[in-house]
């Protein structure tokens, strides 16, 4: 069995999630305390369930989701469940970088903070998730809207065979949503009304963010690095390659479907574990596409009992045949 951690991105959030995770696994509260020291602000107070402004800024969304993923990973690690390989969707790539040892936690946190601040200063735009629709049909609809000259419109997340994300200028995204509903019988959902992440119009943000990436202390990863921008393993990545991939990642499409297909092909015994809150990534992995076992760590009901069941399943004696040399903790 190859345990594959999947770290979600910005959509995987809700009020009070860090408070919930700290209560779920009290030792992970130290992650929150350490992060508060590193960033110089009281993150427990900021992300409290009663703070309506907790996610008003993109920087807070990024910091909050990054920490939620780290805290959930710590709960798994302390219970003896670690990854053999991992992947991260968009923001989740920074959790992936920590998991494979390319960045220390504190350094990754500082980069996430800088990334979010750059996003908040970047150009405005919208994003919409589109399903259920094949990529070829979505490409056709996007071409029709582009011909109307309403601004930038691009497919920016290629997530699954039937779910993708578009981003760009608000008028273009709105026109695409209307066309997709009326003529393609799709179910578009506006997921972002501030920043057109991964669209080419966000290129200036990548340029600004590059200086923070260049200042980070990069290390040789212990396990495979699978950047969103490539959807394949980058062998023996150098400091310069990390900087290039992550600066361009800001304004380049996320090849998530390609990344998952790669893991399924190369690791036929893969078991997928979504390490964060909600079940965004697991819900993408329909059985028509991925036939490998997949688990979420969060639950709408009793998360403690649910997580305990997941941990027990992953630690079952029949599954404890992995080589210890392939394990790495956060």
C-alpha atoms as a PDB file:
ATOM      1  CA  UNK A   1       0.000   0.000   0.000  1.00  0.00           C
ATOM      2  CA  UNK A   2       1.283   3.435  -0.969  1.00  0.00           C
ATOM      3  CA  UNK A   3      -0.265   6.179   1.155  1.00  0.00           C
ATOM      4  CA  UNK A   4      -0.764   9.351  -0.856  1.00  0.00           C
ATOM      5  CA  UNK A   5      -1.536  12.545   1.046  1.00  0.00           C
ATOM      6  CA  UNK A   6      -3.634  15.059  -0.897  1.00  0.00           C
ATOM      7  CA  UNK A   7      -3.405  18.620   0.442  1.00  0.00           C
ATOM      8  CA  UNK A   8      -6.336  20.826  -0.625  1.00  0.00           C
ATOM      9  CA  UNK A   9      -6.378  24.475  -1.650  1.00  0.00           C
ATOM     10  CA  UNK A  10      -8.261  27.621  -0.748  1.00  0.00           C
ATOM     11  CA  UNK A  11     -11.804  26.258  -1.138  1.00  0.00           C
ATOM     12  CA  UNK A  12     -11.252  23.861   1.770  1.00  0.00           C
ATOM     13  CA  UNK A  13     -12.170  26.135   4.655  1.00  0.00           C
ATOM     14  CA  UNK A  14     -14.938  27.128   7.040  1.00  0.00           C
ATOM     15  CA  UNK A  15     -15.266  29.314  10.150  1.00  0.00           C
ATOM     16  CA  UNK A  16     -13.697  27.876  13.275  1.00  0.00           C
ATOM     17  CA  UNK A  17     -11.759  25.138  11.487  1.00  0.00           C
ATOM     18  CA  UNK A  18      -8.452  25.766  13.289  1.00  0.00           C
ATOM     19  CA  UNK A  19     -10.202  25.853  16.657  1.00  0.00           C
ATOM     20  CA  UNK A  20     -11.895  22.567  15.763  1.00  0.00           C
ATOM     21  CA  UNK A  21      -8.613  20.936  14.739  1.00  0.00           C
ATOM     22  CA  UNK A  22      -6.856  22.108  17.911  1.00  0.00           C
ATOM     23  CA  UNK A  23      -9.637  20.542  19.974  1.00  0.00           C
ATOM     24  CA  UNK A  24      -9.587  17.390  17.866  1.00  0.00           C
ATOM     25  CA  UNK A  25      -5.854  16.904  18.440  1.00  0.00           C
ATOM     26  CA  UNK A  26      -4.569  19.162  21.265  1.00  0.00           C
ATOM     27  CA  UNK A  27      -0.841  18.721  20.413  1.00  0.00           C
ATOM     28  CA  UNK A  28      -1.502  20.352  17.041  1.00  0.00           C
ATOM     29  CA  UNK A  29      -2.369  23.538  18.915  1.00  0.00           C
ATOM     30  CA  UNK A  30       1.380  24.038  19.119  1.00  0.00           C
ATOM     31  CA  UNK A  31       1.391  24.450  15.340  1.00  0.00           C
ATOM     32  CA  UNK A  32      -1.001  27.357  15.695  1.00  0.00           C
ATOM     33  CA  UNK A  33       1.017  28.869  18.526  1.00  0.00           C
ATOM     34  CA  UNK A  34       4.258  28.545  16.584  1.00  0.00           C
ATOM     35  CA  UNK A  35       2.668  30.095  13.495  1.00  0.00           C
ATOM     36  CA  UNK A  36       1.468  33.033  15.591  1.00  0.00           C
ATOM     37  CA  UNK A  37       5.026  33.597  16.777  1.00  0.00           C
ATOM     38  CA  UNK A  38       6.447  33.360  13.253  1.00  0.00           C
ATOM     39  CA  UNK A  39       3.939  35.796  11.735  1.00  0.00           C
ATOM     40  CA  UNK A  40       3.685  38.054  14.771  1.00  0.00           C
ATOM     41  CA  UNK A  41      -0.075  37.936  15.243  1.00  0.00           C
ATOM     42  CA  UNK A  42      -2.610  35.972  17.269  1.00  0.00           C
ATOM     43  CA  UNK A  43      -3.886  33.494  14.718  1.00  0.00           C
ATOM     44  CA  UNK A  44      -6.116  31.631  17.167  1.00  0.00           C
ATOM     45  CA  UNK A  45      -8.024  34.861  17.834  1.00  0.00           C
ATOM     46  CA  UNK A  46      -8.119  35.862  14.170  1.00  0.00           C
ATOM     47  CA  UNK A  47      -9.467  32.504  12.977  1.00  0.00           C
ATOM     48  CA  UNK A  48     -11.967  32.115  15.822  1.00  0.00           C
ATOM     49  CA  UNK A  49     -15.402  31.000  14.679  1.00  0.00           C
ATOM     50  CA  UNK A  50     -17.010  34.278  15.765  1.00  0.00           C
ATOM     51  CA  UNK A  51     -14.684  36.484  13.688  1.00  0.00           C
ATOM     52  CA  UNK A  52     -16.692  37.335  10.595  1.00  0.00           C
ATOM     53  CA  UNK A  53     -13.606  38.923   9.014  1.00  0.00           C
ATOM     54  CA  UNK A  54     -11.432  35.803   9.344  1.00  0.00           C
ATOM     55  CA  UNK A  55     -11.361  35.174   5.599  1.00  0.00           C
ATOM     56  CA  UNK A  56     -11.903  38.667   4.207  1.00  0.00           C
ATOM     57  CA  UNK A  57      -8.348  38.909   2.881  1.00  0.00           C
ATOM     58  CA  UNK A  58      -6.796  36.357   0.570  1.00  0.00           C
ATOM     59  CA  UNK A  59      -3.683  36.248   2.730  1.00  0.00           C
ATOM     60  CA  UNK A  60      -5.799  35.030   5.644  1.00  0.00           C
ATOM     61  CA  UNK A  61      -7.451  32.377   3.494  1.00  0.00           C
ATOM     62  CA  UNK A  62      -4.051  31.078   2.435  1.00  0.00           C
ATOM     63  CA  UNK A  63      -2.539  31.107   5.919  1.00  0.00           C
ATOM     64  CA  UNK A  64      -5.649  29.525   7.448  1.00  0.00           C
ATOM     65  CA  UNK A  65      -5.949  26.688   4.937  1.00  0.00           C
ATOM     66  CA  UNK A  66      -2.214  25.999   4.976  1.00  0.00           C
ATOM     67  CA  UNK A  67      -2.288  25.682   8.774  1.00  0.00           C
ATOM     68  CA  UNK A  68      -5.432  23.528   8.748  1.00  0.00           C
ATOM     69  CA  UNK A  69      -3.660  21.109   6.403  1.00  0.00           C
ATOM     70  CA  UNK A  70      -0.561  21.081   8.625  1.00  0.00           C
ATOM     71  CA  UNK A  71      -2.604  20.504  11.780  1.00  0.00           C
ATOM     72  CA  UNK A  72      -4.499  17.607  10.227  1.00  0.00           C
ATOM     73  CA  UNK A  73      -1.235  16.107   9.001  1.00  0.00           C
ATOM     74  CA  UNK A  74       0.172  16.406  12.512  1.00  0.00           C
ATOM     75  CA  UNK A  75      -2.838  14.539  13.917  1.00  0.00           C
ATOM     76  CA  UNK A  76      -2.230  11.735  11.431  1.00  0.00           C
ATOM     77  CA  UNK A  77       1.514  11.677  12.002  1.00  0.00           C
ATOM     78  CA  UNK A  78       1.162  11.473  15.778  1.00  0.00           C
ATOM     79  CA  UNK A  79      -1.134   8.484  15.255  1.00  0.00           C
ATOM     80  CA  UNK A  80       1.463   6.759  13.085  1.00  0.00           C
ATOM     81  CA  UNK A  81       0.003   7.589   9.663  1.00  0.00           C
ATOM     82  CA  UNK A  82       2.450   9.300   7.306  1.00  0.00           C
ATOM     83  CA  UNK A  83       2.711   9.629   3.558  1.00  0.00           C
ATOM     84  CA  UNK A  84       4.786   7.721   1.032  1.00  0.00           C
ATOM     85  CA  UNK A  85       4.199  10.453  -1.522  1.00  0.00           C
ATOM     86  CA  UNK A  86       2.008  13.537  -1.613  1.00  0.00           C
ATOM     87  CA  UNK A  87       0.351  16.114  -3.838  1.00  0.00           C
ATOM     88  CA  UNK A  88      -1.036  19.578  -3.186  1.00  0.00           C
ATOM     89  CA  UNK A  89      -3.705  21.435  -5.139  1.00  0.00           C
ATOM     90  CA  UNK A  90      -2.778  25.089  -5.748  1.00  0.00           C
ATOM     91  CA  UNK A  91      -2.074  26.480  -2.245  1.00  0.00           C
ATOM     92  CA  UNK A  92      -1.781  22.868  -1.061  1.00  0.00           C
ATOM     93  CA  UNK A  93       1.472  22.608  -3.004  1.00  0.00           C
ATOM     94  CA  UNK A  94       3.152  24.409  -0.087  1.00  0.00           C
ATOM     95  CA  UNK A  95       1.987  21.642   2.263  1.00  0.00           C
ATOM     96  CA  UNK A  96       3.379  19.189  -0.283  1.00  0.00           C
ATOM     97  CA  UNK A  97       6.724  21.026  -0.173  1.00  0.00           C
ATOM     98  CA  UNK A  98       6.838  20.705   3.620  1.00  0.00           C
ATOM     99  CA  UNK A  99       5.808  17.058   3.462  1.00  0.00           C
ATOM    100  CA  UNK A 100       8.628  16.129   1.072  1.00  0.00           C
ATOM    101  CA  UNK A 101      11.214  18.126   3.012  1.00  0.00           C
ATOM    102  CA  UNK A 102      11.886  20.874   0.463  1.00  0.00           C
ATOM    103  CA  UNK A 103      10.885  23.550   3.003  1.00  0.00           C
ATOM    104  CA  UNK A 104      10.811  23.790   6.771  1.00  0.00           C
ATOM    105  CA  UNK A 105       7.391  24.626   8.191  1.00  0.00           C
ATOM    106  CA  UNK A 106       8.328  28.146   9.306  1.00  0.00           C
ATOM    107  CA  UNK A 107       9.809  29.023   5.923  1.00  0.00           C
ATOM    108  CA  UNK A 108       6.787  27.667   4.057  1.00  0.00           C
ATOM    109  CA  UNK A 109       4.496  29.682   6.331  1.00  0.00           C
ATOM    110  CA  UNK A 110       6.410  32.881   5.559  1.00  0.00           C
ATOM    111  CA  UNK A 111       6.107  32.155   1.841  1.00  0.00           C
ATOM    112  CA  UNK A 112       2.362  31.528   2.127  1.00  0.00           C
ATOM    113  CA  UNK A 113       1.999  34.850   3.950  1.00  0.00           C
ATOM    114  CA  UNK A 114       3.979  36.663   1.237  1.00  0.00           C
ATOM    115  CA  UNK A 115       2.019  34.888  -1.483  1.00  0.00           C
ATOM    116  CA  UNK A 116      -1.317  35.897   0.008  1.00  0.00           C
ATOM    117  CA  UNK A 117      -0.227  39.508   0.432  1.00  0.00           C
ATOM    118  CA  UNK A 118       0.848  39.599  -3.221  1.00  0.00           C
ATOM    119  CA  UNK A 119      -2.529  38.141  -4.239  1.00  0.00           C
ATOM    120  CA  UNK A 120      -4.336  40.865  -2.308  1.00  0.00           C
ATOM    121  CA  UNK A 121      -2.385  43.496  -4.241  1.00  0.00           C
ATOM    122  CA  UNK A 122      -2.940  41.782  -7.594  1.00  0.00           C
ATOM    123  CA  UNK A 123      -5.461  42.446 -10.375  1.00  0.00           C
ATOM    124  CA  UNK A 124      -9.113  41.658  -9.747  1.00  0.00           C
ATOM    125  CA  UNK A 125     -11.092  38.883 -11.405  1.00  0.00           C
ATOM    126  CA  UNK A 126     -13.489  35.977 -10.933  1.00  0.00           C
ATOM    127  CA  UNK A 127     -13.272  32.191 -10.921  1.00  0.00           C
ATOM    128  CA  UNK A 128     -15.950  29.557 -11.504  1.00  0.00           C
ATOM    129  CA  UNK A 129     -15.946  25.780 -11.191  1.00  0.00           C
ATOM    130  CA  UNK A 130     -17.651  23.959 -14.068  1.00  0.00           C
ATOM    131  CA  UNK A 131     -19.220  20.504 -13.895  1.00  0.00           C
ATOM    132  CA  UNK A 132     -20.272  18.034 -15.123  1.00  0.00           C
ATOM    133  CA  UNK A 133     -18.685  18.793 -18.484  1.00  0.00           C
ATOM    134  CA  UNK A 134     -15.869  17.278 -20.523  1.00  0.00           C
ATOM    135  CA  UNK A 135     -12.805  19.437 -21.065  1.00  0.00           C
ATOM    136  CA  UNK A 136     -13.314  19.494 -24.830  1.00  0.00           C
ATOM    137  CA  UNK A 137     -16.771  21.027 -24.453  1.00  0.00           C
ATOM    138  CA  UNK A 138     -15.512  23.567 -21.946  1.00  0.00           C
ATOM    139  CA  UNK A 139     -12.727  24.565 -24.327  1.00  0.00           C
ATOM    140  CA  UNK A 140     -15.356  25.108 -27.024  1.00  0.00           C
ATOM    141  CA  UNK A 141     -17.474  27.336 -24.758  1.00  0.00           C
ATOM    142  CA  UNK A 142     -14.454  29.353 -23.640  1.00  0.00           C
ATOM    143  CA  UNK A 143     -13.484  29.980 -27.273  1.00  0.00           C
ATOM    144  CA  UNK A 144     -17.003  31.284 -28.018  1.00  0.00           C
ATOM    145  CA  UNK A 145     -16.891  33.744 -25.113  1.00  0.00           C
ATOM    146  CA  UNK A 146     -13.359  34.869 -25.927  1.00  0.00           C
ATOM    147  CA  UNK A 147     -14.512  35.819 -29.416  1.00  0.00           C
ATOM    148  CA  UNK A 148     -16.881  38.357 -27.839  1.00  0.00           C
ATOM    149  CA  UNK A 149     -13.937  40.421 -26.566  1.00  0.00           C
ATOM    150  CA  UNK A 150     -15.072  40.606 -22.933  1.00  0.00           C
ATOM    151  CA  UNK A 151     -11.602  40.224 -21.454  1.00  0.00           C
ATOM    152  CA  UNK A 152      -9.400  37.426 -20.211  1.00  0.00           C
ATOM    153  CA  UNK A 153     -11.007  33.990 -19.873  1.00  0.00           C
ATOM    154  CA  UNK A 154      -8.992  30.825 -19.354  1.00  0.00           C
ATOM    155  CA  UNK A 155      -9.278  27.275 -18.048  1.00  0.00           C
ATOM    156  CA  UNK A 156      -7.020  27.406 -15.000  1.00  0.00           C
ATOM    157  CA  UNK A 157      -7.654  24.189 -13.042  1.00  0.00           C
ATOM    158  CA  UNK A 158      -7.890  20.892 -14.889  1.00  0.00           C
ATOM    159  CA  UNK A 159      -9.192  18.936 -11.934  1.00  0.00           C
ATOM    160  CA  UNK A 160     -10.955  15.810 -13.207  1.00  0.00           C
ATOM    161  CA  UNK A 161     -12.501  14.401 -16.378  1.00  0.00           C
ATOM    162  CA  UNK A 162     -15.756  16.274 -15.668  1.00  0.00           C
ATOM    163  CA  UNK A 163     -14.771  19.191 -13.392  1.00  0.00           C
ATOM    164  CA  UNK A 164     -12.564  22.149 -14.233  1.00  0.00           C
ATOM    165  CA  UNK A 165     -12.217  25.812 -13.247  1.00  0.00           C
ATOM    166  CA  UNK A 166     -12.234  28.965 -15.364  1.00  0.00           C
ATOM    167  CA  UNK A 167     -10.870  32.378 -14.381  1.00  0.00           C
ATOM    168  CA  UNK A 168     -10.456  35.835 -15.814  1.00  0.00           C
ATOM    169  CA  UNK A 169     -12.180  39.190 -16.016  1.00  0.00           C
ATOM    170  CA  UNK A 170     -15.593  39.367 -14.383  1.00  0.00           C
ATOM    171  CA  UNK A 171     -17.610  40.102 -17.587  1.00  0.00           C
ATOM    172  CA  UNK A 172     -16.009  37.175 -19.393  1.00  0.00           C
ATOM    173  CA  UNK A 173     -16.553  34.742 -16.518  1.00  0.00           C
ATOM    174  CA  UNK A 174     -20.186  35.864 -16.153  1.00  0.00           C
ATOM    175  CA  UNK A 175     -20.788  35.383 -19.890  1.00  0.00           C
ATOM    176  CA  UNK A 176     -19.198  31.953 -19.795  1.00  0.00           C
ATOM    177  CA  UNK A 177     -21.329  30.896 -16.834  1.00  0.00           C
ATOM    178  CA  UNK A 178     -24.504  31.956 -18.647  1.00  0.00           C
ATOM    179  CA  UNK A 179     -23.507  30.153 -21.850  1.00  0.00           C
ATOM    180  CA  UNK A 180     -22.529  26.980 -20.025  1.00  0.00           C
ATOM    181  CA  UNK A 181     -25.830  26.874 -18.142  1.00  0.00           C
ATOM    182  CA  UNK A 182     -28.005  27.584 -21.172  1.00  0.00           C
ATOM    183  CA  UNK A 183     -26.300  25.699 -23.992  1.00  0.00           C
ATOM    184  CA  UNK A 184     -24.174  23.055 -22.300  1.00  0.00           C
ATOM    185  CA  UNK A 185     -26.426  22.149 -19.346  1.00  0.00           C
ATOM    186  CA  UNK A 186     -23.472  22.476 -16.995  1.00  0.00           C
ATOM    187  CA  UNK A 187     -23.582  23.540 -13.353  1.00  0.00           C
ATOM    188  CA  UNK A 188     -21.190  26.479 -12.954  1.00  0.00           C
ATOM    189  CA  UNK A 189     -20.501  27.856  -9.471  1.00  0.00           C
ATOM    190  CA  UNK A 190     -18.735  31.147  -8.844  1.00  0.00           C
ATOM    191  CA  UNK A 191     -15.995  30.262  -6.333  1.00  0.00           C
ATOM    192  CA  UNK A 192     -13.985  33.506  -6.252  1.00  0.00           C
ATOM    193  CA  UNK A 193     -14.944  37.143  -6.808  1.00  0.00           C
ATOM    194  CA  UNK A 194     -11.624  38.822  -6.054  1.00  0.00           C
ATOM    195  CA  UNK A 195      -8.593  37.178  -7.596  1.00  0.00           C
ATOM    196  CA  UNK A 196      -8.262  35.268 -10.928  1.00  0.00           C
ATOM    197  CA  UNK A 197      -5.794  32.714  -9.621  1.00  0.00           C
ATOM    198  CA  UNK A 198      -3.705  30.825 -12.171  1.00  0.00           C
ATOM    199  CA  UNK A 199      -4.869  33.063 -15.033  1.00  0.00           C
ATOM    200  CA  UNK A 200      -2.313  34.824 -17.241  1.00  0.00           C
ATOM    201  CA  UNK A 201      -3.656  38.177 -16.053  1.00  0.00           C
ATOM    202  CA  UNK A 202      -2.121  37.326 -12.655  1.00  0.00           C
ATOM    203  CA  UNK A 203       1.409  37.322 -14.094  1.00  0.00           C
ATOM    204  CA  UNK A 204       2.401  40.499 -12.235  1.00  0.00           C
ATOM    205  CA  UNK A 205       1.737  38.673  -8.959  1.00  0.00           C
ATOM    206  CA  UNK A 206       4.164  35.934  -9.933  1.00  0.00           C
ATOM    207  CA  UNK A 207       6.816  38.551 -10.669  1.00  0.00           C
ATOM    208  CA  UNK A 208       6.289  40.206  -7.277  1.00  0.00           C
ATOM    209  CA  UNK A 209       6.299  36.892  -5.410  1.00  0.00           C
ATOM    210  CA  UNK A 210       9.539  35.724  -7.014  1.00  0.00           C
ATOM    211  CA  UNK A 211      11.690  37.751  -4.610  1.00  0.00           C
ATOM    212  CA  UNK A 212      10.197  35.957  -1.593  1.00  0.00           C
ATOM    213  CA  UNK A 213      10.788  32.597  -3.271  1.00  0.00           C
ATOM    214  CA  UNK A 214      14.382  33.533  -4.012  1.00  0.00           C
ATOM    215  CA  UNK A 215      14.998  34.365  -0.353  1.00  0.00           C
ATOM    216  CA  UNK A 216      13.680  31.029   0.952  1.00  0.00           C
ATOM    217  CA  UNK A 217      16.153  28.342   2.146  1.00  0.00           C
ATOM    218  CA  UNK A 218      15.357  25.523  -0.288  1.00  0.00           C
ATOM    219  CA  UNK A 219      16.493  21.966   0.428  1.00  0.00           C
ATOM    220  CA  UNK A 220      16.747  18.808  -1.646  1.00  0.00           C
ATOM    221  CA  UNK A 221      13.436  16.943  -1.175  1.00  0.00           C
ATOM    222  CA  UNK A 222      13.419  13.480   0.368  1.00  0.00           C
ATOM    223  CA  UNK A 223      10.640  12.262  -1.888  1.00  0.00           C
ATOM    224  CA  UNK A 224       9.129  13.113  -5.301  1.00  0.00           C
ATOM    225  CA  UNK A 225       8.190  16.719  -6.071  1.00  0.00           C
ATOM    226  CA  UNK A 226       5.137  16.890  -8.330  1.00  0.00           C
ATOM    227  CA  UNK A 227       4.466  20.562  -9.135  1.00  0.00           C
ATOM    228  CA  UNK A 228       0.987  21.616 -10.255  1.00  0.00           C
ATOM    229  CA  UNK A 229       2.433  23.388 -13.258  1.00  0.00           C
ATOM    230  CA  UNK A 230       3.943  20.191 -14.708  1.00  0.00           C
ATOM    231  CA  UNK A 231       1.708  17.377 -13.491  1.00  0.00           C
ATOM    232  CA  UNK A 232       4.768  15.125 -13.379  1.00  0.00           C
ATOM    233  CA  UNK A 233       7.760  14.487 -11.136  1.00  0.00           C
ATOM    234  CA  UNK A 234      10.497  17.095 -11.299  1.00  0.00           C
ATOM    235  CA  UNK A 235      13.618  15.013 -10.755  1.00  0.00           C
ATOM    236  CA  UNK A 236      16.295  16.435  -8.431  1.00  0.00           C
ATOM    237  CA  UNK A 237      14.857  19.962  -8.411  1.00  0.00           C
ATOM    238  CA  UNK A 238      17.314  22.795  -7.908  1.00  0.00           C
ATOM    239  CA  UNK A 239      16.714  26.020  -5.991  1.00  0.00           C
ATOM    240  CA  UNK A 240      16.273  27.824  -9.305  1.00  0.00           C
ATOM    241  CA  UNK A 241      13.684  25.287 -10.462  1.00  0.00           C
ATOM    242  CA  UNK A 242      11.666  25.645  -7.260  1.00  0.00           C
ATOM    243  CA  UNK A 243      11.622  29.414  -7.756  1.00  0.00           C
ATOM    244  CA  UNK A 244      10.647  29.144 -11.419  1.00  0.00           C
ATOM    245  CA  UNK A 245       7.890  26.582 -10.853  1.00  0.00           C
ATOM    246  CA  UNK A 246       6.280  28.426  -7.953  1.00  0.00           C
ATOM    247  CA  UNK A 247       6.516  31.916  -9.452  1.00  0.00           C
ATOM    248  CA  UNK A 248       4.893  30.668 -12.668  1.00  0.00           C
ATOM    249  CA  UNK A 249       2.430  28.561 -10.669  1.00  0.00           C
ATOM    250  CA  UNK A 250       0.676  31.789  -9.670  1.00  0.00           C
ATOM    251  CA  UNK A 251      -0.422  32.462 -13.262  1.00  0.00           C
ATOM    252  CA  UNK A 252      -0.322  28.983 -14.861  1.00  0.00           C
ATOM    253  CA  UNK A 253      -2.960  26.228 -15.017  1.00  0.00           C
ATOM    254  CA  UNK A 254      -3.104  23.594 -12.283  1.00  0.00           C
ATOM    255  CA  UNK A 255      -2.714  20.140 -13.833  1.00  0.00           C
ATOM    256  CA  UNK A 256      -4.383  18.213 -11.017  1.00  0.00           C
ATOM    257  CA  UNK A 257      -6.024  15.536 -13.138  1.00  0.00           C
ATOM    258  CA  UNK A 258      -2.694  14.817 -14.810  1.00  0.00           C
ATOM    259  CA  UNK A 259      -0.987  14.595 -11.416  1.00  0.00           C
ATOM    260  CA  UNK A 260      -3.529  12.106 -10.065  1.00  0.00           C
ATOM    261  CA  UNK A 261      -3.333  10.020 -13.230  1.00  0.00           C
ATOM    262  CA  UNK A 262       0.444   9.938 -12.844  1.00  0.00           C
ATOM    263  CA  UNK A 263       0.214   8.600  -9.279  1.00  0.00           C
ATOM    264  CA  UNK A 264      -2.356   5.961 -10.240  1.00  0.00           C
ATOM    265  CA  UNK A 265      -0.146   4.824 -13.105  1.00  0.00           C
ATOM    266  CA  UNK A 266       3.097   4.711 -11.130  1.00  0.00           C
ATOM    267  CA  UNK A 267       1.633   3.456  -7.823  1.00  0.00           C
ATOM    268  CA  UNK A 268      -1.080   0.876  -8.578  1.00  0.00           C
ATOM    269  CA  UNK A 269      -1.473   0.212  -4.844  1.00  0.00           C
ATOM    270  CA  UNK A 270      -2.095   3.903  -4.063  1.00  0.00           C
ATOM    271  CA  UNK A 271      -4.488   4.831  -1.265  1.00  0.00           C
ATOM    272  CA  UNK A 272      -5.492   8.510  -1.250  1.00  0.00           C
ATOM    273  CA  UNK A 273      -5.963  10.504   1.965  1.00  0.00           C
ATOM    274  CA  UNK A 274      -7.283  14.082   1.841  1.00  0.00           C
ATOM    275  CA  UNK A 275      -5.393  15.914   4.573  1.00  0.00           C
ATOM    276  CA  UNK A 276      -7.384  19.013   5.468  1.00  0.00           C
ATOM    277  CA  UNK A 277     -10.954  20.053   6.101  1.00  0.00           C
ATOM    278  CA  UNK A 278     -13.985  19.289   3.917  1.00  0.00           C
ATOM    279  CA  UNK A 279     -13.838  16.768   1.059  1.00  0.00           C
ATOM    280  CA  UNK A 280     -13.183  18.871  -2.044  1.00  0.00           C
ATOM    281  CA  UNK A 281     -10.465  16.656  -3.523  1.00  0.00           C
ATOM    282  CA  UNK A 282     -12.106  13.361  -2.635  1.00  0.00           C
ATOM    283  CA  UNK A 283     -15.350  14.497  -4.254  1.00  0.00           C
ATOM    284  CA  UNK A 284     -13.477  15.092  -7.511  1.00  0.00           C
ATOM    285  CA  UNK A 285     -12.328  11.470  -7.591  1.00  0.00           C
ATOM    286  CA  UNK A 286     -15.436   9.743  -8.867  1.00  0.00           C
ATOM    287  CA  UNK A 287     -15.321   5.967  -9.162  1.00  0.00           C
ATOM    288  CA  UNK A 288     -15.637   6.244 -12.934  1.00  0.00           C
ATOM    289  CA  UNK A 289     -12.260   7.957 -12.864  1.00  0.00           C
ATOM    290  CA  UNK A 290     -10.293   6.648  -9.850  1.00  0.00           C
ATOM    291  CA  UNK A 291     -10.924   3.167  -8.529  1.00  0.00           C
ATOM    292  CA  UNK A 292      -8.392   3.288  -5.694  1.00  0.00           C
ATOM    293  CA  UNK A 293      -9.468   3.707  -2.023  1.00  0.00           C
ATOM    294  CA  UNK A 294      -9.745   7.314  -0.865  1.00  0.00           C
ATOM    295  CA  UNK A 295     -10.395   8.794   2.541  1.00  0.00           C
ATOM    296  CA  UNK A 296     -11.293  12.163   3.976  1.00  0.00           C
ATOM    297  CA  UNK A 297     -10.076  13.173   7.431  1.00  0.00           C
ATOM    298  CA  UNK A 298     -12.847  15.678   8.137  1.00  0.00           C
ATOM    299  CA  UNK A 299     -16.531  15.018   8.758  1.00  0.00           C
ATOM    300  CA  UNK A 300     -19.679  17.103   9.068  1.00  0.00           C
ATOM    301  CA  UNK A 301     -20.759  15.012  12.007  1.00  0.00           C
ATOM    302  CA  UNK A 302     -18.366  13.425  14.515  1.00  0.00           C
ATOM    303  CA  UNK A 303     -14.907  14.251  13.105  1.00  0.00           C
ATOM    304  CA  UNK A 304     -13.065  12.594  16.011  1.00  0.00           C
ATOM    305  CA  UNK A 305     -14.784   9.257  15.480  1.00  0.00           C
ATOM    306  CA  UNK A 306     -14.454   9.529  11.712  1.00  0.00           C
ATOM    307  CA  UNK A 307     -10.732  10.320  11.886  1.00  0.00           C
ATOM    308  CA  UNK A 308     -10.152   7.480  14.352  1.00  0.00           C
ATOM    309  CA  UNK A 309     -11.783   5.065  11.884  1.00  0.00           C
ATOM    310  CA  UNK A 310      -9.607   6.330   9.034  1.00  0.00           C
ATOM    311  CA  UNK A 311      -6.442   6.000  11.123  1.00  0.00           C
ATOM    312  CA  UNK A 312      -7.400   2.481  12.221  1.00  0.00           C
ATOM    313  CA  UNK A 313      -7.979   1.476   8.610  1.00  0.00           C
ATOM    314  CA  UNK A 314      -4.672   2.891   7.413  1.00  0.00           C
ATOM    315  CA  UNK A 315      -2.799   1.267  10.296  1.00  0.00           C
ATOM    316  CA  UNK A 316      -4.427  -2.160   9.926  1.00  0.00           C
ATOM    317  CA  UNK A 317      -1.833  -4.970  10.226  1.00  0.00           C
ATOM    318  CA  UNK A 318      -2.465  -6.180   6.684  1.00  0.00           C
ATOM    319  CA  UNK A 319      -1.437  -2.778   5.448  1.00  0.00           C
ATOM    320  CA  UNK A 320       1.709  -2.350   7.553  1.00  0.00           C
ATOM    321  CA  UNK A 321       4.046  -3.733   4.906  1.00  0.00           C
ATOM    322  CA  UNK A 322       5.510  -0.466   3.701  1.00  0.00           C
ATOM    323  CA  UNK A 323       9.237   0.014   4.036  1.00  0.00           C
ATOM    324  CA  UNK A 324      10.117   2.354   6.882  1.00  0.00           C
ATOM    325  CA  UNK A 325      12.579   4.099   4.596  1.00  0.00           C
ATOM    326  CA  UNK A 326       9.696   5.440   2.523  1.00  0.00           C
ATOM    327  CA  UNK A 327       8.061   7.185   5.489  1.00  0.00           C
ATOM    328  CA  UNK A 328       8.493  10.844   6.351  1.00  0.00           C
ATOM    329  CA  UNK A 329       6.721  12.910   8.981  1.00  0.00           C
ATOM    330  CA  UNK A 330       5.702  16.535   8.957  1.00  0.00           C
END
